[in-house]
Amino acid sequence: DAGVIVEEGTPSELFENTQNERTRAFLSRFS
């Protein structure tokens, strides 16, 4: 997001156990 890596991990970590609010907001908008 905005030119930086905000969060990374395995698919289960990123999609099912998101730690960062920006990641959660993106995944929520996308869904």
Full PDB file with SEQRES, HELIX, SHEET, SSBOND, CRYST1, ORIGX, SCALE, CONECT and MASTER records, all heavy atoms in Angstrom:
SEQRES   1 A   31  ASP ALA GLY VAL ILE VAL GLU GLU GLY THR PRO SER GLU          
SEQRES   2 A   31  LEU PHE GLU ASN THR GLN ASN GLU ARG THR ARG ALA PHE          
SEQRES   3 A   31  LEU SER ARG PHE SER                                          
HELIX    1 AA1 PRO A   11  GLU A   16  1                                   6    
HELIX    2 AA2 GLU A   21  PHE A   30  1                                  10    
CRYST1    1.000    1.000    1.000  90.00  90.00  90.00 P 1           1          
ORIGX1      1.000000  0.000000  0.000000        0.00000                         
ORIGX2      0.000000  1.000000  0.000000        0.00000                         
ORIGX3      0.000000  0.000000  1.000000        0.00000                         
SCALE1      1.000000  0.000000  0.000000        0.00000                         
SCALE2      0.000000  1.000000  0.000000        0.00000                         
SCALE3      0.000000  0.000000  1.000000        0.00000                         
ATOM      1  N   ASP A   1       0.862  -1.181   0.000  1.00  0.00           N  
ATOM      2  CA  ASP A   1       0.000   0.000   0.000  1.00  0.00           C  
ATOM      3  C   ASP A   1       0.895   1.227   0.000  1.00  0.00           C  
ATOM      4  O   ASP A   1       1.847   1.301   0.795  1.00  0.00           O  
ATOM      5  CB  ASP A   1      -0.911   0.003   1.229  1.00  0.00           C  
ATOM      6  CG  ASP A   1      -1.971   1.102   1.168  1.00  0.00           C  
ATOM      7  OD1 ASP A   1      -2.476   1.375   0.068  1.00  0.00           O  
ATOM      8  OD2 ASP A   1      -2.284   1.685   2.218  1.00  0.00           O  
ATOM      9  N   ALA A   2       0.611   2.157  -0.907  1.00  0.00           N  
ATOM     10  CA  ALA A   2       1.356   3.419  -0.987  1.00  0.00           C  
ATOM     11  C   ALA A   2       2.866   3.198  -1.082  1.00  0.00           C  
ATOM     12  O   ALA A   2       3.658   3.925  -0.479  1.00  0.00           O  
ATOM     13  CB  ALA A   2       1.018   4.304   0.206  1.00  0.00           C  
ATOM     14  N   GLY A   3       3.258   2.178  -1.848  1.00  0.00           N  
ATOM     15  CA  GLY A   3       4.670   1.973  -2.127  1.00  0.00           C  
ATOM     16  C   GLY A   3       5.472   1.254  -1.076  1.00  0.00           C  
ATOM     17  O   GLY A   3       6.698   1.163  -1.182  1.00  0.00           O  
ATOM     18  N   VAL A   4       4.812   0.727  -0.048  1.00  0.00           N  
ATOM     19  CA  VAL A   4       5.532  -0.004   0.992  1.00  0.00           C  
ATOM     20  C   VAL A   4       4.887  -1.372   1.199  1.00  0.00           C  
ATOM     21  O   VAL A   4       3.715  -1.570   0.882  1.00  0.00           O  
ATOM     22  CB  VAL A   4       5.558   0.762   2.333  1.00  0.00           C  
ATOM     23  CG1 VAL A   4       6.226   2.118   2.167  1.00  0.00           C  
ATOM     24  CG2 VAL A   4       4.152   0.926   2.894  1.00  0.00           C  
ATOM     25  N   ILE A   5       5.663  -2.309   1.728  1.00  0.00           N  
ATOM     26  CA  ILE A   5       5.112  -3.594   2.140  1.00  0.00           C  
ATOM     27  C   ILE A   5       4.544  -3.404   3.537  1.00  0.00           C  
ATOM     28  O   ILE A   5       5.275  -3.186   4.504  1.00  0.00           O  
ATOM     29  CB  ILE A   5       6.180  -4.695   2.124  1.00  0.00           C  
ATOM     30  CG1 ILE A   5       6.696  -4.926   0.699  1.00  0.00           C  
ATOM     31  CG2 ILE A   5       5.607  -5.999   2.686  1.00  0.00           C  
ATOM     32  CD1 ILE A   5       7.847  -5.914   0.611  1.00  0.00           C  
ATOM     33  N   VAL A   6       3.229  -3.489   3.645  1.00  0.00           N  
ATOM     34  CA  VAL A   6       2.551  -3.260   4.914  1.00  0.00           C  
ATOM     35  C   VAL A   6       2.558  -4.520   5.777  1.00  0.00           C  
ATOM     36  O   VAL A   6       2.763  -4.461   6.992  1.00  0.00           O  
ATOM     37  CB  VAL A   6       1.101  -2.790   4.664  1.00  0.00           C  
ATOM     38  CG1 VAL A   6       0.336  -2.661   5.973  1.00  0.00           C  
ATOM     39  CG2 VAL A   6       1.095  -1.467   3.911  1.00  0.00           C  
ATOM     40  N   GLU A   7       2.336  -5.657   5.111  1.00  0.00           N  
ATOM     41  CA  GLU A   7       2.255  -6.914   5.853  1.00  0.00           C  
ATOM     42  C   GLU A   7       2.600  -8.059   4.914  1.00  0.00           C  
ATOM     43  O   GLU A   7       2.351  -7.982   3.703  1.00  0.00           O  
ATOM     44  CB  GLU A   7       0.847  -7.101   6.431  1.00  0.00           C  
ATOM     45  CG  GLU A   7       0.713  -8.274   7.384  1.00  0.00           C  
ATOM     46  CD  GLU A   7      -0.635  -8.292   8.099  1.00  0.00           C  
ATOM     47  OE1 GLU A   7      -1.464  -7.393   7.861  1.00  0.00           O  
ATOM     48  OE2 GLU A   7      -0.842  -9.219   8.908  1.00  0.00           O  
ATOM     49  N   GLU A   8       3.171  -9.108   5.451  1.00  0.00           N  
ATOM     50  CA  GLU A   8       3.479 -10.297   4.656  1.00  0.00           C  
ATOM     51  C   GLU A   8       3.384 -11.532   5.534  1.00  0.00           C  
ATOM     52  O   GLU A   8       3.467 -11.464   6.760  1.00  0.00           O  
ATOM     53  CB  GLU A   8       4.865 -10.195   4.032  1.00  0.00           C  
ATOM     54  CG  GLU A   8       6.003 -10.097   5.018  1.00  0.00           C  
ATOM     55  CD  GLU A   8       7.348 -10.040   4.311  1.00  0.00           C  
ATOM     56  OE1 GLU A   8       7.701 -11.049   3.644  1.00  0.00           O  
ATOM     57  OE2 GLU A   8       8.027  -9.017   4.421  1.00  0.00           O  
ATOM     58  N   GLY A   9       3.193 -12.665   4.864  1.00  0.00           N  
ATOM     59  CA  GLY A   9       3.102 -13.916   5.598  1.00  0.00           C  
ATOM     60  C   GLY A   9       2.588 -15.017   4.706  1.00  0.00           C  
ATOM     61  O   GLY A   9       2.422 -14.842   3.491  1.00  0.00           O  
ATOM     62  N   THR A  10       2.338 -16.171   5.288  1.00  0.00           N  
ATOM     63  CA  THR A  10       1.711 -17.253   4.536  1.00  0.00           C  
ATOM     64  C   THR A  10       0.278 -16.841   4.208  1.00  0.00           C  
ATOM     65  O   THR A  10      -0.276 -15.921   4.838  1.00  0.00           O  
ATOM     66  CB  THR A  10       1.692 -18.544   5.364  1.00  0.00           C  
ATOM     67  OG1 THR A  10       0.856 -18.337   6.515  1.00  0.00           O  
ATOM     68  CG2 THR A  10       3.097 -18.939   5.808  1.00  0.00           C  
ATOM     69  N   PRO A  11      -0.358 -17.502   3.242  1.00  0.00           N  
ATOM     70  CA  PRO A  11      -1.752 -17.150   2.942  1.00  0.00           C  
ATOM     71  C   PRO A  11      -2.665 -17.219   4.154  1.00  0.00           C  
ATOM     72  O   PRO A  11      -3.521 -16.348   4.353  1.00  0.00           O  
ATOM     73  CB  PRO A  11      -2.138 -18.182   1.872  1.00  0.00           C  
ATOM     74  CG  PRO A  11      -0.858 -18.498   1.186  1.00  0.00           C  
ATOM     75  CD  PRO A  11       0.184 -18.470   2.259  1.00  0.00           C  
ATOM     76  N   SER A  12      -2.493 -18.238   4.990  1.00  0.00           N  
ATOM     77  CA  SER A  12      -3.363 -18.335   6.162  1.00  0.00           C  
ATOM     78  C   SER A  12      -3.110 -17.197   7.132  1.00  0.00           C  
ATOM     79  O   SER A  12      -4.049 -16.650   7.731  1.00  0.00           O  
ATOM     80  CB  SER A  12      -3.166 -19.684   6.859  1.00  0.00           C  
ATOM     81  OG  SER A  12      -1.833 -19.838   7.304  1.00  0.00           O  
ATOM     82  N   GLU A  13      -1.850 -16.802   7.284  1.00  0.00           N  
ATOM     83  CA  GLU A  13      -1.536 -15.687   8.178  1.00  0.00           C  
ATOM     84  C   GLU A  13      -2.129 -14.386   7.664  1.00  0.00           C  
ATOM     85  O   GLU A  13      -2.716 -13.609   8.434  1.00  0.00           O  
ATOM     86  CB  GLU A  13      -0.016 -15.546   8.326  1.00  0.00           C  
ATOM     87  CG  GLU A  13       0.635 -16.645   9.140  1.00  0.00           C  
ATOM     88  CD  GLU A  13       2.147 -16.616   9.074  1.00  0.00           C  
ATOM     89  OE1 GLU A  13       2.704 -15.993   8.133  1.00  0.00           O  
ATOM     90  OE2 GLU A  13       2.774 -17.222   9.953  1.00  0.00           O  
ATOM     91  N   LEU A  14      -1.987 -14.141   6.370  1.00  0.00           N  
ATOM     92  CA  LEU A  14      -2.409 -12.844   5.837  1.00  0.00           C  
ATOM     93  C   LEU A  14      -3.921 -12.755   5.676  1.00  0.00           C  
ATOM     94  O   LEU A  14      -4.532 -11.726   5.983  1.00  0.00           O  
ATOM     95  CB  LEU A  14      -1.732 -12.576   4.491  1.00  0.00           C  
ATOM     96  CG  LEU A  14      -1.709 -11.094   4.106  1.00  0.00           C  
ATOM     97  CD1 LEU A  14      -0.611 -10.374   4.878  1.00  0.00           C  
ATOM     98  CD2 LEU A  14      -1.487 -10.905   2.623  1.00  0.00           C  
ATOM     99  N   PHE A  15      -4.545 -13.836   5.206  1.00  0.00           N  
ATOM    100  CA  PHE A  15      -5.971 -13.777   4.920  1.00  0.00           C  
ATOM    101  C   PHE A  15      -6.845 -14.128   6.126  1.00  0.00           C  
ATOM    102  O   PHE A  15      -7.978 -13.669   6.217  1.00  0.00           O  
ATOM    103  CB  PHE A  15      -6.319 -14.706   3.751  1.00  0.00           C  
ATOM    104  CG  PHE A  15      -5.799 -14.220   2.424  1.00  0.00           C  
ATOM    105  CD1 PHE A  15      -4.700 -14.826   1.829  1.00  0.00           C  
ATOM    106  CD2 PHE A  15      -6.410 -13.166   1.771  1.00  0.00           C  
ATOM    107  CE1 PHE A  15      -4.221 -14.383   0.604  1.00  0.00           C  
ATOM    108  CE2 PHE A  15      -5.945 -12.716   0.543  1.00  0.00           C  
ATOM    109  CZ  PHE A  15      -4.843 -13.321  -0.030  1.00  0.00           C  
ATOM    110  N   GLU A  16      -6.332 -14.943   7.015  1.00  0.00           N  
ATOM    111  CA  GLU A  16      -7.162 -15.416   8.117  1.00  0.00           C  
ATOM    112  C   GLU A  16      -6.757 -14.855   9.476  1.00  0.00           C  
ATOM    113  O   GLU A  16      -7.540 -14.913  10.426  1.00  0.00           O  
ATOM    114  CB  GLU A  16      -7.113 -16.950   8.160  1.00  0.00           C  
ATOM    115  CG  GLU A  16      -7.655 -17.591   6.894  1.00  0.00           C  
ATOM    116  CD  GLU A  16      -7.342 -19.079   6.811  1.00  0.00           C  
ATOM    117  OE1 GLU A  16      -7.038 -19.674   7.870  1.00  0.00           O  
ATOM    118  OE2 GLU A  16      -7.374 -19.633   5.698  1.00  0.00           O  
ATOM    119  N   ASN A  17      -5.545 -14.315   9.554  1.00  0.00           N  
ATOM    120  CA  ASN A  17      -5.076 -13.791  10.845  1.00  0.00           C  
ATOM    121  C   ASN A  17      -4.351 -12.469  10.635  1.00  0.00           C  
ATOM    122  O   ASN A  17      -3.229 -12.263  11.117  1.00  0.00           O  
ATOM    123  CB  ASN A  17      -4.158 -14.818  11.520  1.00  0.00           C  
ATOM    124  CG  ASN A  17      -3.870 -14.471  12.967  1.00  0.00           C  
ATOM    125  OD1 ASN A  17      -4.681 -13.812  13.632  1.00  0.00           O  
ATOM    126  ND2 ASN A  17      -2.718 -14.887  13.458  1.00  0.00           N  
ATOM    127  N   THR A  18      -4.997 -11.583   9.887  1.00  0.00           N  
ATOM    128  CA  THR A  18      -4.391 -10.303   9.535  1.00  0.00           C  
ATOM    129  C   THR A  18      -4.057  -9.496  10.781  1.00  0.00           C  
ATOM    130  O   THR A  18      -4.874  -9.363  11.696  1.00  0.00           O  
ATOM    131  CB  THR A  18      -5.372  -9.496   8.651  1.00  0.00           C  
ATOM    132  OG1 THR A  18      -5.762 -10.316   7.550  1.00  0.00           O  
ATOM    133  CG2 THR A  18      -4.719  -8.239   8.132  1.00  0.00           C  
ATOM    134  N   GLN A  19      -2.833  -8.928  10.798  1.00  0.00           N  
ATOM    135  CA  GLN A  19      -2.391  -8.166  11.962  1.00  0.00           C  
ATOM    136  C   GLN A  19      -2.486  -6.658  11.743  1.00  0.00           C  
ATOM    137  O   GLN A  19      -2.560  -5.899  12.714  1.00  0.00           O  
ATOM    138  CB  GLN A  19      -0.929  -8.523  12.281  1.00  0.00           C  
ATOM    139  CG  GLN A  19      -0.711  -9.987  12.602  1.00  0.00           C  
ATOM    140  CD  GLN A  19      -1.463 -10.428  13.836  1.00  0.00           C  
ATOM    141  OE1 GLN A  19      -1.339  -9.828  14.900  1.00  0.00           O  
ATOM    142  NE2 GLN A  19      -2.274 -11.482  13.688  1.00  0.00           N  
ATOM    143  N   ASN A  20      -2.477  -6.221  10.497  1.00  0.00           N  
ATOM    144  CA  ASN A  20      -2.414  -4.791  10.219  1.00  0.00           C  
ATOM    145  C   ASN A  20      -3.778  -4.246   9.804  1.00  0.00           C  
ATOM    146  O   ASN A  20      -4.484  -4.865   8.999  1.00  0.00           O  
ATOM    147  CB  ASN A  20      -1.383  -4.533   9.105  1.00  0.00           C  
ATOM    148  CG  ASN A  20      -1.129  -3.064   8.886  1.00  0.00           C  
ATOM    149  OD1 ASN A  20      -1.896  -2.386   8.213  1.00  0.00           O  
ATOM    150  ND2 ASN A  20      -0.037  -2.567   9.446  1.00  0.00           N  
ATOM    151  N   GLU A  21      -4.128  -3.087  10.322  1.00  0.00           N  
ATOM    152  CA  GLU A  21      -5.438  -2.496  10.034  1.00  0.00           C  
ATOM    153  C   GLU A  21      -5.579  -2.145   8.558  1.00  0.00           C  
ATOM    154  O   GLU A  21      -6.663  -2.292   7.979  1.00  0.00           O  
ATOM    155  CB  GLU A  21      -5.644  -1.248  10.893  1.00  0.00           C  
ATOM    156  CG  GLU A  21      -7.006  -0.587  10.694  1.00  0.00           C  
ATOM    157  CD  GLU A  21      -8.165  -1.528  11.009  1.00  0.00           C  
ATOM    158  OE1 GLU A  21      -8.049  -2.319  11.963  1.00  0.00           O  
ATOM    159  OE2 GLU A  21      -9.179  -1.486  10.284  1.00  0.00           O  
ATOM    160  N   ARG A  22      -4.515  -1.702   7.905  1.00  0.00           N  
ATOM    161  CA  ARG A  22      -4.590  -1.360   6.476  1.00  0.00           C  
ATOM    162  C   ARG A  22      -4.858  -2.602   5.641  1.00  0.00           C  
ATOM    163  O   ARG A  22      -5.608  -2.559   4.666  1.00  0.00           O  
ATOM    164  CB  ARG A  22      -3.291  -0.669   6.031  1.00  0.00           C  
ATOM    165  CG  ARG A  22      -3.143   0.747   6.584  1.00  0.00           C  
ATOM    166  CD  ARG A  22      -1.701   1.203   6.578  1.00  0.00           C  
ATOM    167  NE  ARG A  22      -1.203   1.487   5.245  1.00  0.00           N  
ATOM    168  CZ  ARG A  22       0.063   1.879   5.015  1.00  0.00           C  
ATOM    169  NH1 ARG A  22       0.918   2.001   6.018  1.00  0.00           N  
ATOM    170  NH2 ARG A  22       0.457   2.135   3.787  1.00  0.00           N  
ATOM    171  N   THR A  23      -4.247  -3.727   6.025  1.00  0.00           N  
ATOM    172  CA  THR A  23      -4.515  -4.975   5.315  1.00  0.00           C  
ATOM    173  C   THR A  23      -5.964  -5.393   5.495  1.00  0.00           C  
ATOM    174  O   THR A  23      -6.637  -5.793   4.532  1.00  0.00           O  
ATOM    175  CB  THR A  23      -3.592  -6.096   5.824  1.00  0.00           C  
ATOM    176  OG1 THR A  23      -2.252  -5.627   5.884  1.00  0.00           O  
ATOM    177  CG2 THR A  23      -3.655  -7.306   4.901  1.00  0.00           C  
ATOM    178  N   ARG A  24      -6.453  -5.315   6.730  1.00  0.00           N  
ATOM    179  CA  ARG A  24      -7.839  -5.684   6.997  1.00  0.00           C  
ATOM    180  C   ARG A  24      -8.802  -4.812   6.187  1.00  0.00           C  
ATOM    181  O   ARG A  24      -9.786  -5.312   5.635  1.00  0.00           O  
ATOM    182  CB  ARG A  24      -8.147  -5.557   8.496  1.00  0.00           C  
ATOM    183  CG  ARG A  24      -7.671  -6.726   9.322  1.00  0.00           C  
ATOM    184  CD  ARG A  24      -8.320  -6.743  10.693  1.00  0.00           C  
ATOM    185  NE  ARG A  24      -7.885  -5.602  11.490  1.00  0.00           N  
ATOM    186  CZ  ARG A  24      -6.821  -5.616  12.287  1.00  0.00           C  
ATOM    187  NH1 ARG A  24      -6.077  -6.702  12.382  1.00  0.00           N  
ATOM    188  NH2 ARG A  24      -6.503  -4.549  12.997  1.00  0.00           N  
ATOM    189  N   ALA A  25      -8.523  -3.512   6.117  1.00  0.00           N  
ATOM    190  CA  ALA A  25      -9.400  -2.601   5.383  1.00  0.00           C  
ATOM    191  C   ALA A  25      -9.414  -2.954   3.895  1.00  0.00           C  
ATOM    192  O   ALA A  25     -10.468  -2.954   3.249  1.00  0.00           O  
ATOM    193  CB  ALA A  25      -8.949  -1.157   5.585  1.00  0.00           C  
ATOM    194  N   PHE A  26      -8.226  -3.277   3.341  1.00  0.00           N  
ATOM    195  CA  PHE A  26      -8.155  -3.644   1.919  1.00  0.00           C  
ATOM    196  C   PHE A  26      -8.938  -4.926   1.650  1.00  0.00           C  
ATOM    197  O   PHE A  26      -9.745  -4.993   0.718  1.00  0.00           O  
ATOM    198  CB  PHE A  26      -6.702  -3.834   1.490  1.00  0.00           C  
ATOM    199  CG  PHE A  26      -6.557  -4.462   0.133  1.00  0.00           C  
ATOM    200  CD1 PHE A  26      -6.772  -3.729  -1.015  1.00  0.00           C  
ATOM    201  CD2 PHE A  26      -6.227  -5.807   0.013  1.00  0.00           C  
ATOM    202  CE1 PHE A  26      -6.656  -4.321  -2.270  1.00  0.00           C  
ATOM    203  CE2 PHE A  26      -6.106  -6.401  -1.232  1.00  0.00           C  
ATOM    204  CZ  PHE A  26      -6.322  -5.650  -2.374  1.00  0.00           C  
ATOM    205  N   LEU A  27      -8.721  -5.947   2.443  1.00  0.00           N  
ATOM    206  CA  LEU A  27      -9.408  -7.217   2.236  1.00  0.00           C  
ATOM    207  C   LEU A  27     -10.912  -7.066   2.422  1.00  0.00           C  
ATOM    208  O   LEU A  27     -11.700  -7.696   1.717  1.00  0.00           O  
ATOM    209  CB  LEU A  27      -8.849  -8.280   3.175  1.00  0.00           C  
ATOM    210  CG  LEU A  27      -7.386  -8.688   2.920  1.00  0.00           C  
ATOM    211  CD1 LEU A  27      -6.911  -9.653   4.003  1.00  0.00           C  
ATOM    212  CD2 LEU A  27      -7.224  -9.311   1.547  1.00  0.00           C  
ATOM    213  N   SER A  28     -11.319  -6.209   3.353  1.00  0.00           N  
ATOM    214  CA  SER A  28     -12.745  -5.975   3.560  1.00  0.00           C  
ATOM    215  C   SER A  28     -13.366  -5.285   2.357  1.00  0.00           C  
ATOM    216  O   SER A  28     -14.430  -5.673   1.889  1.00  0.00           O  
ATOM    217  CB  SER A  28     -12.946  -5.126   4.819  1.00  0.00           C  
ATOM    218  OG  SER A  28     -14.315  -4.795   4.984  1.00  0.00           O  
ATOM    219  N   ARG A  29     -12.680  -4.265   1.830  1.00  0.00           N  
ATOM    220  CA  ARG A  29     -13.196  -3.563   0.634  1.00  0.00           C  
ATOM    221  C   ARG A  29     -13.271  -4.518  -0.546  1.00  0.00           C  
ATOM    222  O   ARG A  29     -14.215  -4.504  -1.320  1.00  0.00           O  
ATOM    223  CB  ARG A  29     -12.281  -2.390   0.275  1.00  0.00           C  
ATOM    224  CG  ARG A  29     -12.357  -1.212   1.233  1.00  0.00           C  
ATOM    225  CD  ARG A  29     -11.777   0.041   0.600  1.00  0.00           C  
ATOM    226  NE  ARG A  29     -10.452  -0.167   0.050  1.00  0.00           N  
ATOM    227  CZ  ARG A  29      -9.327  -0.033   0.741  1.00  0.00           C  
ATOM    228  NH1 ARG A  29      -9.388   0.309   2.035  1.00  0.00           N  
ATOM    229  NH2 ARG A  29      -8.144  -0.215   0.179  1.00  0.00           N  
ATOM    230  N   PHE A  30     -12.239  -5.346  -0.676  1.00  0.00           N  
ATOM    231  CA  PHE A  30     -12.216  -6.249  -1.818  1.00  0.00           C  
ATOM    232  C   PHE A  30     -13.357  -7.255  -1.737  1.00  0.00           C  
ATOM    233  O   PHE A  30     -14.032  -7.529  -2.737  1.00  0.00           O  
ATOM    234  CB  PHE A  30     -10.877  -6.987  -1.882  1.00  0.00           C  
ATOM    235  CG  PHE A  30     -10.680  -7.711  -3.172  1.00  0.00           C  
ATOM    236  CD1 PHE A  30     -10.084  -7.079  -4.255  1.00  0.00           C  
ATOM    237  CD2 PHE A  30     -11.094  -9.018  -3.343  1.00  0.00           C  
ATOM    238  CE1 PHE A  30      -9.924  -7.735  -5.463  1.00  0.00           C  
ATOM    239  CE2 PHE A  30     -10.943  -9.681  -4.540  1.00  0.00           C  
ATOM    240  CZ  PHE A  30     -10.345  -9.035  -5.587  1.00  0.00           C  
ATOM    241  N   SER A  31     -13.605  -7.798  -0.556  1.00  0.00           N  
ATOM    242  CA  SER A  31     -14.693  -8.773  -0.408  1.00  0.00           C  
ATOM    243  C   SER A  31     -16.050  -8.134  -0.654  1.00  0.00           C  
ATOM    244  O   SER A  31     -16.962  -8.753  -1.217  1.00  0.00           O  
ATOM    245  CB  SER A  31     -14.638  -9.407   0.976  1.00  0.00           C  
ATOM    246  OG  SER A  31     -14.837  -8.437   1.986  1.00  0.00           O  
TER     247      SER A  31                                                      
MASTER        0    0    0    2    0    0    0    6  246    1    0    3          
END                                                                             
